[in-house]
Amino acid sequence: MEAARSVFVERGFDAEMKEIAERAGVGVGTIYRNFATKDDLVTAMLAGCLADSMVAVQVALRLPHPRERILALLAAGWEAAERFGPLIRAMSGHAPDPIAAHENVKRLAGHENLKENELLHHSAGLVGALVQAFEDARTAGVVRREIDPLFLAHYMVSQFQAYLGLRQVHPAELVKERMTDFFTRAVFA
């Protein structure tokens, strides 16, 4: 999977299975035995990104105080953006328009074969966990009551795409520090 990630980051969806096999040091038949199509491989990689992100969210949600949870969720998001951001950007075709990016990911997931359902399941679970964290924080008086938790969840997720753009021109720690500061000033009560 690591070889596939690096090839897709370099080439986007134009990556060829042969090149992925060469990079992994295996025959192309080995790739096809595990993934019948390139869409299957892409779906597995994207689902893996979402599943790994969900593990980090679950760890953050076990923290005792809602403010700590929100800060841990931001930290987990910065880490996921560093780890998976280049792959997600390559798979979305570097589309600046989020709707176009979503449509590219849907196409890559092979929605005609219902492979998108796996991605939607992971994505909905991630957003649902964020919504719950913000609802808990709002109830505890940690976040502003007038902001809808669903809006906050999507706003938080959107920050990770912005982070990737800023990371191209600024050091990671500076971007994390400033974006965390802006986010907490905007949402904390």
N, C-alpha and C. Protein backbone atom coordinates (compact mmCIF):
# COMPACT_ATOMS: atom_id res chain seq x y z
N MET A 1 0.82 -1.19 0.00
CA MET A 1 0.00 0.00 0.00
C MET A 1 0.87 1.26 0.00
N GLU A 2 2.01 1.20 0.68
CA GLU A 2 2.89 2.38 0.74
C GLU A 2 3.40 2.73 -0.66
N ALA A 3 3.75 1.72 -1.44
CA ALA A 3 4.20 1.98 -2.80
C ALA A 3 3.08 2.60 -3.63
N ALA A 4 1.88 2.10 -3.47
CA ALA A 4 0.74 2.66 -4.20
C ALA A 4 0.51 4.10 -3.80
N ARG A 5 0.58 4.38 -2.49
CA ARG A 5 0.39 5.76 -2.03
C ARG A 5 1.40 6.70 -2.69
N SER A 6 2.66 6.29 -2.68
CA SER A 6 3.68 7.20 -3.22
C SER A 6 3.50 7.41 -4.73
N VAL A 7 3.13 6.37 -5.46
CA VAL A 7 2.92 6.52 -6.90
C VAL A 7 1.70 7.39 -7.18
N PHE A 8 0.62 7.18 -6.42
CA PHE A 8 -0.58 8.01 -6.62
C PHE A 8 -0.31 9.46 -6.25
N VAL A 9 0.50 9.70 -5.22
CA VAL A 9 0.85 11.08 -4.85
C VAL A 9 1.60 11.74 -6.01
N GLU A 10 2.50 11.00 -6.63
CA GLU A 10 3.30 11.55 -7.72
C GLU A 10 2.49 11.74 -9.00
N ARG A 11 1.62 10.79 -9.32
CA ARG A 11 0.97 10.78 -10.62
C ARG A 11 -0.54 11.01 -10.59
N GLY A 12 -1.14 11.02 -9.41
CA GLY A 12 -2.59 11.12 -9.34
C GLY A 12 -3.22 9.84 -9.85
N PHE A 13 -4.44 9.94 -10.35
CA PHE A 13 -5.14 8.74 -10.78
C PHE A 13 -4.57 8.17 -12.07
N ASP A 14 -3.67 8.89 -12.71
CA ASP A 14 -3.04 8.38 -13.93
C ASP A 14 -1.97 7.32 -13.63
N ALA A 15 -1.70 7.08 -12.37
CA ALA A 15 -0.72 6.05 -11.98
C ALA A 15 -1.14 4.71 -12.59
N GLU A 16 -0.14 3.95 -12.99
CA GLU A 16 -0.42 2.63 -13.58
C GLU A 16 -0.09 1.54 -12.59
N MET A 17 -0.87 0.47 -12.65
CA MET A 17 -0.67 -0.66 -11.74
C MET A 17 0.73 -1.25 -11.92
N LYS A 18 1.24 -1.24 -13.15
CA LYS A 18 2.57 -1.77 -13.42
C LYS A 18 3.62 -0.99 -12.63
N GLU A 19 3.50 0.34 -12.63
CA GLU A 19 4.46 1.17 -11.90
C GLU A 19 4.36 0.93 -10.39
N ILE A 20 3.14 0.75 -9.91
CA ILE A 20 2.94 0.47 -8.48
C ILE A 20 3.61 -0.86 -8.13
N ALA A 21 3.42 -1.87 -8.96
CA ALA A 21 4.04 -3.17 -8.72
C ALA A 21 5.56 -3.06 -8.72
N GLU A 22 6.12 -2.33 -9.69
CA GLU A 22 7.57 -2.15 -9.74
C GLU A 22 8.08 -1.47 -8.47
N ARG A 23 7.39 -0.43 -8.04
CA ARG A 23 7.80 0.30 -6.84
C ARG A 23 7.73 -0.59 -5.61
N ALA A 24 6.73 -1.48 -5.58
CA ALA A 24 6.57 -2.38 -4.43
C ALA A 24 7.51 -3.58 -4.51
N GLY A 25 8.13 -3.78 -5.67
CA GLY A 25 9.02 -4.92 -5.83
C GLY A 25 8.29 -6.24 -5.99
N VAL A 26 7.08 -6.19 -6.57
CA VAL A 26 6.29 -7.40 -6.81
C VAL A 26 5.83 -7.39 -8.26
N GLY A 27 5.33 -8.52 -8.70
CA GLY A 27 4.77 -8.60 -10.04
C GLY A 27 3.40 -7.94 -10.09
N VAL A 28 3.03 -7.47 -11.27
CA VAL A 28 1.74 -6.81 -11.42
C VAL A 28 0.59 -7.76 -11.10
N GLY A 29 0.80 -9.05 -11.34
CA GLY A 29 -0.23 -10.05 -11.00
C GLY A 29 -0.53 -10.09 -9.51
N THR A 30 0.49 -9.86 -8.70
CA THR A 30 0.29 -9.83 -7.25
C THR A 30 -0.64 -8.69 -6.87
N ILE A 31 -0.45 -7.54 -7.51
CA ILE A 31 -1.34 -6.40 -7.24
C ILE A 31 -2.77 -6.76 -7.62
N TYR A 32 -2.93 -7.34 -8.82
CA TYR A 32 -4.28 -7.65 -9.30
C TYR A 32 -4.93 -8.79 -8.51
N ARG A 33 -4.15 -9.66 -7.89
CA ARG A 33 -4.76 -10.70 -7.04
C ARG A 33 -5.38 -10.08 -5.80
N ASN A 34 -4.80 -8.98 -5.34
CA ASN A 34 -5.31 -8.32 -4.14
C ASN A 34 -6.34 -7.24 -4.46
N PHE A 35 -6.21 -6.63 -5.64
CA PHE A 35 -7.10 -5.54 -6.05
C PHE A 35 -7.43 -5.75 -7.51
N ALA A 36 -8.66 -6.16 -7.80
CA ALA A 36 -9.06 -6.50 -9.16
C ALA A 36 -8.94 -5.32 -10.12
N THR A 37 -9.14 -4.12 -9.61
CA THR A 37 -9.06 -2.93 -10.45
C THR A 37 -8.31 -1.83 -9.71
N LYS A 38 -7.92 -0.82 -10.45
CA LYS A 38 -7.29 0.34 -9.84
C LYS A 38 -8.27 1.02 -8.88
N ASP A 39 -9.56 1.05 -9.25
CA ASP A 39 -10.58 1.61 -8.37
C ASP A 39 -10.61 0.89 -7.02
N ASP A 40 -10.43 -0.44 -7.05
CA ASP A 40 -10.41 -1.20 -5.79
C ASP A 40 -9.23 -0.78 -4.92
N LEU A 41 -8.09 -0.58 -5.54
CA LEU A 41 -6.89 -0.17 -4.81
C LEU A 41 -7.08 1.24 -4.22
N VAL A 42 -7.61 2.16 -5.01
CA VAL A 42 -7.85 3.52 -4.53
C VAL A 42 -8.85 3.51 -3.39
N THR A 43 -9.92 2.76 -3.54
CA THR A 43 -10.93 2.67 -2.48
C THR A 43 -10.31 2.15 -1.20
N ALA A 44 -9.48 1.13 -1.30
CA ALA A 44 -8.82 0.56 -0.11
C ALA A 44 -7.90 1.59 0.55
N MET A 45 -7.17 2.35 -0.26
CA MET A 45 -6.27 3.36 0.31
C MET A 45 -7.06 4.46 1.01
N LEU A 46 -8.09 4.98 0.36
CA LEU A 46 -8.88 6.05 0.96
C LEU A 46 -9.63 5.57 2.20
N ALA A 47 -10.17 4.35 2.14
CA ALA A 47 -10.85 3.79 3.32
C ALA A 47 -9.85 3.61 4.46
N GLY A 48 -8.63 3.21 4.14
CA GLY A 48 -7.60 3.07 5.17
C GLY A 48 -7.27 4.40 5.82
N CYS A 49 -7.20 5.46 5.01
CA CYS A 49 -6.96 6.81 5.56
C CYS A 49 -8.06 7.19 6.53
N LEU A 50 -9.30 6.97 6.12
CA LEU A 50 -10.43 7.33 6.98
C LEU A 50 -10.48 6.46 8.23
N ALA A 51 -10.19 5.18 8.09
CA ALA A 51 -10.20 4.28 9.26
C ALA A 51 -9.11 4.67 10.26
N ASP A 52 -7.92 4.98 9.76
CA ASP A 52 -6.84 5.43 10.65
C ASP A 52 -7.21 6.73 11.35
N SER A 53 -7.85 7.62 10.62
CA SER A 53 -8.28 8.88 11.22
C SER A 53 -9.33 8.63 12.30
N MET A 54 -10.21 7.67 12.07
CA MET A 54 -11.24 7.36 13.06
C MET A 54 -10.63 6.82 14.35
N VAL A 55 -9.56 6.05 14.25
CA VAL A 55 -8.87 5.55 15.45
C VAL A 55 -8.36 6.73 16.27
N ALA A 56 -7.75 7.70 15.60
CA ALA A 56 -7.23 8.88 16.31
C ALA A 56 -8.37 9.67 16.96
N VAL A 57 -9.50 9.75 16.28
CA VAL A 57 -10.67 10.44 16.84
C VAL A 57 -11.16 9.71 18.09
N GLN A 58 -11.23 8.40 18.03
CA GLN A 58 -11.70 7.63 19.19
C GLN A 58 -10.78 7.82 20.39
N VAL A 59 -9.48 7.89 20.17
CA VAL A 59 -8.53 8.15 21.25
C VAL A 59 -8.80 9.52 21.86
N ALA A 60 -8.99 10.53 21.00
CA ALA A 60 -9.26 11.89 21.49
C ALA A 60 -10.56 11.95 22.28
N LEU A 61 -11.57 11.21 21.84
CA LEU A 61 -12.87 11.25 22.51
C LEU A 61 -12.84 10.63 23.91
N ARG A 62 -11.82 9.86 24.21
CA ARG A 62 -11.71 9.25 25.55
C ARG A 62 -11.09 10.21 26.57
N LEU A 63 -10.63 11.36 26.12
CA LEU A 63 -10.06 12.33 27.07
C LEU A 63 -11.17 12.85 27.98
N PRO A 64 -10.84 13.20 29.22
CA PRO A 64 -11.89 13.54 30.19
C PRO A 64 -12.57 14.88 29.99
N HIS A 65 -11.89 15.87 29.47
CA HIS A 65 -12.48 17.21 29.37
C HIS A 65 -12.76 17.57 27.92
N PRO A 66 -13.95 18.14 27.62
CA PRO A 66 -14.29 18.48 26.23
C PRO A 66 -13.28 19.39 25.54
N ARG A 67 -12.69 20.33 26.25
CA ARG A 67 -11.69 21.22 25.63
C ARG A 67 -10.47 20.41 25.19
N GLU A 68 -10.03 19.48 26.05
CA GLU A 68 -8.90 18.61 25.69
C GLU A 68 -9.24 17.77 24.47
N ARG A 69 -10.49 17.31 24.40
CA ARG A 69 -10.91 16.50 23.25
C ARG A 69 -10.79 17.29 21.95
N ILE A 70 -11.29 18.54 21.99
CA ILE A 70 -11.25 19.37 20.77
C ILE A 70 -9.80 19.62 20.34
N LEU A 71 -8.95 19.95 21.29
CA LEU A 71 -7.54 20.19 20.96
C LEU A 71 -6.87 18.91 20.44
N ALA A 72 -7.22 17.77 21.03
CA ALA A 72 -6.67 16.49 20.56
C ALA A 72 -7.19 16.16 19.16
N LEU A 73 -8.44 16.51 18.88
CA LEU A 73 -8.99 16.28 17.54
C LEU A 73 -8.26 17.14 16.51
N LEU A 74 -7.97 18.38 16.88
CA LEU A 74 -7.19 19.23 15.96
C LEU A 74 -5.80 18.63 15.73
N ALA A 75 -5.14 18.21 16.79
CA ALA A 75 -3.80 17.63 16.66
C ALA A 75 -3.84 16.38 15.79
N ALA A 76 -4.86 15.54 15.99
CA ALA A 76 -5.00 14.34 15.17
C ALA A 76 -5.24 14.71 13.71
N GLY A 77 -5.99 15.78 13.49
CA GLY A 77 -6.24 16.23 12.12
C GLY A 77 -4.99 16.73 11.43
N TRP A 78 -4.15 17.48 12.17
CA TRP A 78 -2.90 17.96 11.57
C TRP A 78 -2.03 16.76 11.20
N GLU A 79 -1.98 15.76 12.10
CA GLU A 79 -1.17 14.56 11.82
C GLU A 79 -1.71 13.81 10.60
N ALA A 80 -3.02 13.66 10.52
CA ALA A 80 -3.62 12.97 9.37
C ALA A 80 -3.37 13.75 8.08
N ALA A 81 -3.43 15.08 8.16
CA ALA A 81 -3.17 15.90 6.97
C ALA A 81 -1.73 15.70 6.49
N GLU A 82 -0.81 15.64 7.43
CA GLU A 82 0.60 15.40 7.05
C GLU A 82 0.75 14.01 6.43
N ARG A 83 0.12 13.03 7.05
CA ARG A 83 0.30 11.64 6.63
C ARG A 83 -0.44 11.32 5.33
N PHE A 84 -1.69 11.79 5.22
CA PHE A 84 -2.54 11.38 4.09
C PHE A 84 -2.86 12.51 3.12
N GLY A 85 -2.55 13.75 3.50
CA GLY A 85 -2.93 14.89 2.67
C GLY A 85 -2.46 14.81 1.23
N PRO A 86 -1.18 14.51 1.01
CA PRO A 86 -0.73 14.44 -0.38
C PRO A 86 -1.50 13.40 -1.20
N LEU A 87 -1.86 12.28 -0.58
CA LEU A 87 -2.64 11.27 -1.29
C LEU A 87 -4.04 11.79 -1.61
N ILE A 88 -4.68 12.39 -0.62
CA ILE A 88 -6.04 12.89 -0.83
C ILE A 88 -6.02 13.98 -1.91
N ARG A 89 -5.03 14.86 -1.86
CA ARG A 89 -4.93 15.92 -2.88
C ARG A 89 -4.72 15.31 -4.27
N ALA A 90 -3.88 14.30 -4.35
CA ALA A 90 -3.64 13.65 -5.65
C ALA A 90 -4.91 12.98 -6.16
N MET A 91 -5.63 12.34 -5.26
CA MET A 91 -6.84 11.63 -5.66
C MET A 91 -7.97 12.58 -6.03
N SER A 92 -7.98 13.77 -5.44
CA SER A 92 -9.05 14.73 -5.75
C SER A 92 -8.68 15.57 -6.98
N GLY A 93 -7.52 15.29 -7.56
CA GLY A 93 -7.10 16.03 -8.74
C GLY A 93 -6.68 17.45 -8.42
N HIS A 94 -6.30 17.69 -7.15
CA HIS A 94 -5.91 19.03 -6.70
C HIS A 94 -7.00 20.04 -6.98
N ALA A 95 -8.24 19.59 -6.98
CA ALA A 95 -9.36 20.48 -7.29
C ALA A 95 -9.52 21.52 -6.19
N PRO A 96 -9.46 22.81 -6.54
CA PRO A 96 -9.65 23.83 -5.51
C PRO A 96 -11.10 23.90 -5.05
N ASP A 97 -12.01 23.45 -5.88
CA ASP A 97 -13.43 23.46 -5.57
C ASP A 97 -13.77 22.18 -4.81
N PRO A 98 -14.25 22.27 -3.55
CA PRO A 98 -14.54 21.06 -2.77
C PRO A 98 -15.56 20.16 -3.44
N ILE A 99 -16.52 20.72 -4.18
CA ILE A 99 -17.52 19.89 -4.85
C ILE A 99 -16.85 19.10 -5.97
N ALA A 100 -15.96 19.74 -6.72
CA ALA A 100 -15.23 19.04 -7.78
C ALA A 100 -14.35 17.95 -7.18
N ALA A 101 -13.70 18.25 -6.05
CA ALA A 101 -12.86 17.26 -5.39
C ALA A 101 -13.71 16.07 -4.96
N HIS A 102 -14.88 16.33 -4.37
CA HIS A 102 -15.76 15.25 -3.93
C HIS A 102 -16.20 14.40 -5.13
N GLU A 103 -16.53 15.07 -6.24
CA GLU A 103 -16.92 14.33 -7.44
C GLU A 103 -15.77 13.47 -7.96
N ASN A 104 -14.53 13.99 -7.91
CA ASN A 104 -13.38 13.19 -8.34
C ASN A 104 -13.21 11.97 -7.45
N VAL A 105 -13.33 12.16 -6.13
CA VAL A 105 -13.20 11.03 -5.21
C VAL A 105 -14.31 10.02 -5.45
N LYS A 106 -15.54 10.50 -5.69
CA LYS A 106 -16.64 9.59 -6.01
C LYS A 106 -16.32 8.77 -7.26
N ARG A 107 -15.80 9.46 -8.28
CA ARG A 107 -15.44 8.76 -9.52
C ARG A 107 -14.36 7.72 -9.25
N LEU A 108 -13.36 8.11 -8.47
CA LEU A 108 -12.26 7.20 -8.18
C LEU A 108 -12.72 6.01 -7.36
N ALA A 109 -13.71 6.24 -6.52
CA ALA A 109 -14.21 5.15 -5.67
C ALA A 109 -15.10 4.20 -6.45
N GLY A 110 -15.34 4.48 -7.71
CA GLY A 110 -16.14 3.57 -8.52
C GLY A 110 -17.58 3.51 -8.05
N HIS A 111 -18.22 4.67 -7.89
CA HIS A 111 -19.56 4.71 -7.33
C HIS A 111 -20.53 3.83 -8.09
N GLU A 112 -20.25 3.58 -9.37
CA GLU A 112 -21.16 2.71 -10.11
C GLU A 112 -21.12 1.28 -9.58
N ASN A 113 -20.05 0.94 -8.88
CA ASN A 113 -19.94 -0.39 -8.27
C ASN A 113 -20.26 -0.35 -6.79
N LEU A 114 -20.77 0.76 -6.32
CA LEU A 114 -21.15 0.95 -4.91
C LEU A 114 -19.96 0.89 -3.97
N LYS A 115 -18.73 1.04 -4.48
CA LYS A 115 -17.56 1.06 -3.60
C LYS A 115 -17.55 2.33 -2.76
N GLU A 116 -18.24 3.35 -3.22
CA GLU A 116 -18.31 4.60 -2.49
C GLU A 116 -18.93 4.38 -1.11
N ASN A 117 -19.80 3.38 -0.99
CA ASN A 117 -20.47 3.14 0.30
C ASN A 117 -19.47 2.92 1.42
N GLU A 118 -18.38 2.22 1.15
CA GLU A 118 -17.36 2.00 2.17
C GLU A 118 -16.74 3.33 2.60
N LEU A 119 -16.45 4.17 1.64
CA LEU A 119 -15.88 5.48 1.95
C LEU A 119 -16.89 6.35 2.69
N LEU A 120 -18.13 6.32 2.24
CA LEU A 120 -19.16 7.12 2.91
C LEU A 120 -19.38 6.64 4.34
N HIS A 121 -19.32 5.33 4.54
CA HIS A 121 -19.48 4.78 5.89
C HIS A 121 -18.39 5.32 6.82
N HIS A 122 -17.14 5.25 6.38
CA HIS A 122 -16.03 5.75 7.20
C HIS A 122 -16.14 7.27 7.40
N SER A 123 -16.47 7.98 6.32
CA SER A 123 -16.56 9.43 6.39
C SER A 123 -17.70 9.86 7.32
N ALA A 124 -18.85 9.22 7.21
CA ALA A 124 -19.98 9.56 8.08
C ALA A 124 -19.66 9.25 9.53
N GLY A 125 -18.95 8.16 9.79
CA GLY A 125 -18.56 7.84 11.16
C GLY A 125 -17.63 8.88 11.73
N LEU A 126 -16.72 9.37 10.92
CA LEU A 126 -15.77 10.39 11.36
C LEU A 126 -16.50 11.69 11.67
N VAL A 127 -17.35 12.14 10.77
CA VAL A 127 -18.10 13.38 11.00
C VAL A 127 -19.04 13.21 12.18
N GLY A 128 -19.68 12.06 12.29
CA GLY A 128 -20.58 11.81 13.43
C GLY A 128 -19.85 11.89 14.76
N ALA A 129 -18.65 11.37 14.81
CA ALA A 129 -17.86 11.44 16.05
C ALA A 129 -17.48 12.87 16.37
N LEU A 130 -17.14 13.65 15.36
CA LEU A 130 -16.82 15.06 15.57
C LEU A 130 -18.05 15.83 16.05
N VAL A 131 -19.20 15.55 15.45
CA VAL A 131 -20.44 16.21 15.88
C VAL A 131 -20.70 15.91 17.35
N GLN A 132 -20.55 14.65 17.75
CA GLN A 132 -20.78 14.28 19.15
C GLN A 132 -19.81 15.01 20.07
N ALA A 133 -18.56 15.11 19.66
CA ALA A 133 -17.57 15.82 20.48
C ALA A 133 -17.96 17.29 20.64
N PHE A 134 -18.44 17.92 19.57
CA PHE A 134 -18.84 19.32 19.66
C PHE A 134 -20.15 19.49 20.44
N GLU A 135 -21.06 18.52 20.33
CA GLU A 135 -22.27 18.59 21.15
C GLU A 135 -21.93 18.50 22.62
N ASP A 136 -21.04 17.58 22.97
CA ASP A 136 -20.61 17.45 24.37
C ASP A 136 -19.92 18.73 24.84
N ALA A 137 -19.08 19.30 23.99
CA ALA A 137 -18.38 20.53 24.36
C ALA A 137 -19.34 21.70 24.50
N ARG A 138 -20.35 21.74 23.66
CA ARG A 138 -21.35 22.81 23.76
C ARG A 138 -22.16 22.67 25.05
N THR A 139 -22.56 21.45 25.37
CA THR A 139 -23.29 21.20 26.62
C THR A 139 -22.46 21.59 27.83
N ALA A 140 -21.16 21.35 27.78
CA ALA A 140 -20.26 21.69 28.89
C ALA A 140 -19.89 23.17 28.91
N GLY A 141 -20.36 23.93 27.91
CA GLY A 141 -20.05 25.35 27.86
C GLY A 141 -18.67 25.67 27.31
N VAL A 142 -18.04 24.71 26.65
CA VAL A 142 -16.68 24.89 26.13
C VAL A 142 -16.69 25.59 24.77
N VAL A 143 -17.68 25.27 23.93
CA VAL A 143 -17.78 25.93 22.63
C VAL A 143 -19.02 26.82 22.63
N ARG A 144 -18.99 27.79 21.74
CA ARG A 144 -20.10 28.75 21.66
C ARG A 144 -21.40 28.03 21.33
N ARG A 145 -22.42 28.33 22.10
CA ARG A 145 -23.72 27.66 21.96
C ARG A 145 -24.42 27.94 20.64
N GLU A 146 -24.17 29.12 20.05
CA GLU A 146 -24.88 29.49 18.83
C GLU A 146 -24.35 28.79 17.58
N ILE A 147 -23.25 28.07 17.71
CA ILE A 147 -22.68 27.39 16.53
C ILE A 147 -23.13 25.93 16.53
N ASP A 148 -23.75 25.53 15.44
CA ASP A 148 -24.25 24.17 15.27
C ASP A 148 -23.09 23.17 15.27
N PRO A 149 -23.17 22.10 16.05
CA PRO A 149 -22.09 21.09 16.08
C PRO A 149 -21.79 20.48 14.71
N LEU A 150 -22.80 20.30 13.87
CA LEU A 150 -22.55 19.76 12.52
C LEU A 150 -21.71 20.75 11.71
N PHE A 151 -22.03 22.04 11.82
CA PHE A 151 -21.23 23.06 11.16
C PHE A 151 -19.79 23.01 11.67
N LEU A 152 -19.62 22.91 13.00
CA LEU A 152 -18.28 22.86 13.58
C LEU A 152 -17.49 21.66 13.07
N ALA A 153 -18.15 20.51 12.97
CA ALA A 153 -17.46 19.30 12.48
C ALA A 153 -16.96 19.52 11.06
N HIS A 154 -17.81 20.05 10.19
CA HIS A 154 -17.38 20.28 8.81
C HIS A 154 -16.36 21.41 8.71
N TYR A 155 -16.51 22.40 9.56
CA TYR A 155 -15.53 23.49 9.60
C TYR A 155 -14.16 22.94 10.00
N MET A 156 -14.14 22.07 11.01
CA MET A 156 -12.87 21.50 11.44
C MET A 156 -12.23 20.71 10.30
N VAL A 157 -13.00 19.87 9.64
CA VAL A 157 -12.47 19.07 8.53
C VAL A 157 -11.93 19.97 7.43
N SER A 158 -12.61 21.08 7.14
CA SER A 158 -12.15 21.98 6.09
C SER A 158 -10.80 22.62 6.43
N GLN A 159 -10.51 22.74 7.71
CA GLN A 159 -9.25 23.35 8.12
C GLN A 159 -8.04 22.51 7.70
N PHE A 160 -8.22 21.22 7.56
CA PHE A 160 -7.10 20.36 7.22
C PHE A 160 -6.69 20.54 5.75
N GLN A 161 -7.64 20.84 4.88
CA GLN A 161 -7.30 21.15 3.49
C GLN A 161 -6.55 22.48 3.43
N ALA A 162 -7.04 23.46 4.21
CA ALA A 162 -6.35 24.76 4.26
C ALA A 162 -4.93 24.58 4.80
N TYR A 163 -4.79 23.71 5.79
CA TYR A 163 -3.48 23.42 6.37
C TYR A 163 -2.51 22.94 5.30
N LEU A 164 -2.98 22.05 4.44
CA LEU A 164 -2.11 21.51 3.39
C LEU A 164 -1.63 22.61 2.46
N GLY A 165 -2.50 23.54 2.13
CA GLY A 165 -2.09 24.64 1.28
C GLY A 165 -1.06 25.53 1.95
N LEU A 166 -1.29 25.86 3.22
CA LEU A 166 -0.35 26.71 3.95
C LEU A 166 0.98 26.02 4.19
N ARG A 167 0.96 24.69 4.33
CA ARG A 167 2.18 23.92 4.55
C ARG A 167 3.13 24.00 3.36
N GLN A 168 2.62 24.37 2.22
CA GLN A 168 3.48 24.49 1.04
C GLN A 168 4.40 25.70 1.13
N VAL A 169 4.04 26.67 1.99
CA VAL A 169 4.86 27.89 2.09
C VAL A 169 5.31 28.22 3.51
N HIS A 170 4.81 27.51 4.51
CA HIS A 170 5.19 27.79 5.90
C HIS A 170 5.55 26.49 6.62
N PRO A 171 6.37 26.58 7.66
CA PRO A 171 6.72 25.39 8.45
C PRO A 171 5.49 24.80 9.16
N ALA A 172 5.48 23.49 9.29
CA ALA A 172 4.34 22.78 9.88
C ALA A 172 3.97 23.31 11.25
N GLU A 173 4.94 23.47 12.13
CA GLU A 173 4.62 23.89 13.49
C GLU A 173 3.99 25.26 13.53
N LEU A 174 4.45 26.18 12.69
CA LEU A 174 3.87 27.51 12.63
C LEU A 174 2.42 27.44 12.17
N VAL A 175 2.16 26.66 11.12
CA VAL A 175 0.80 26.54 10.59
C VAL A 175 -0.11 25.90 11.64
N LYS A 176 0.34 24.84 12.29
CA LYS A 176 -0.47 24.19 13.32
C LYS A 176 -0.80 25.16 14.44
N GLU A 177 0.21 25.87 14.90
CA GLU A 177 0.02 26.81 16.01
C GLU A 177 -0.99 27.89 15.66
N ARG A 178 -0.82 28.49 14.50
CA ARG A 178 -1.70 29.60 14.12
C ARG A 178 -3.11 29.12 13.80
N MET A 179 -3.22 28.01 13.10
CA MET A 179 -4.56 27.52 12.77
C MET A 179 -5.30 27.03 14.01
N THR A 180 -4.58 26.42 14.94
CA THR A 180 -5.21 26.01 16.20
C THR A 180 -5.69 27.25 16.95
N ASP A 181 -4.85 28.29 16.98
CA ASP A 181 -5.24 29.52 17.66
C ASP A 181 -6.48 30.13 17.02
N PHE A 182 -6.51 30.23 15.70
CA PHE A 182 -7.68 30.79 15.01
C PHE A 182 -8.92 29.95 15.28
N PHE A 183 -8.78 28.64 15.20
CA PHE A 183 -9.93 27.76 15.39
C PHE A 183 -10.47 27.90 16.81
N THR A 184 -9.60 27.86 17.80
CA THR A 184 -10.07 27.92 19.19
C THR A 184 -10.68 29.29 19.51
N ARG A 185 -10.12 30.35 18.95
CA ARG A 185 -10.70 31.68 19.18
C ARG A 185 -12.09 31.77 18.56
N ALA A 186 -12.29 31.11 17.43
CA ALA A 186 -13.57 31.17 16.75
C ALA A 186 -14.65 30.34 17.44
N VAL A 187 -14.28 29.22 18.03
CA VAL A 187 -15.32 28.30 18.52
C VAL A 187 -15.42 28.17 20.03
N PHE A 188 -14.34 28.41 20.77
CA PHE A 188 -14.42 28.25 22.21
C PHE A 188 -15.21 29.40 22.83
N ALA A 189 -15.97 29.08 23.86
CA ALA A 189 -16.78 30.09 24.56
C ALA A 189 -15.88 30.94 25.43
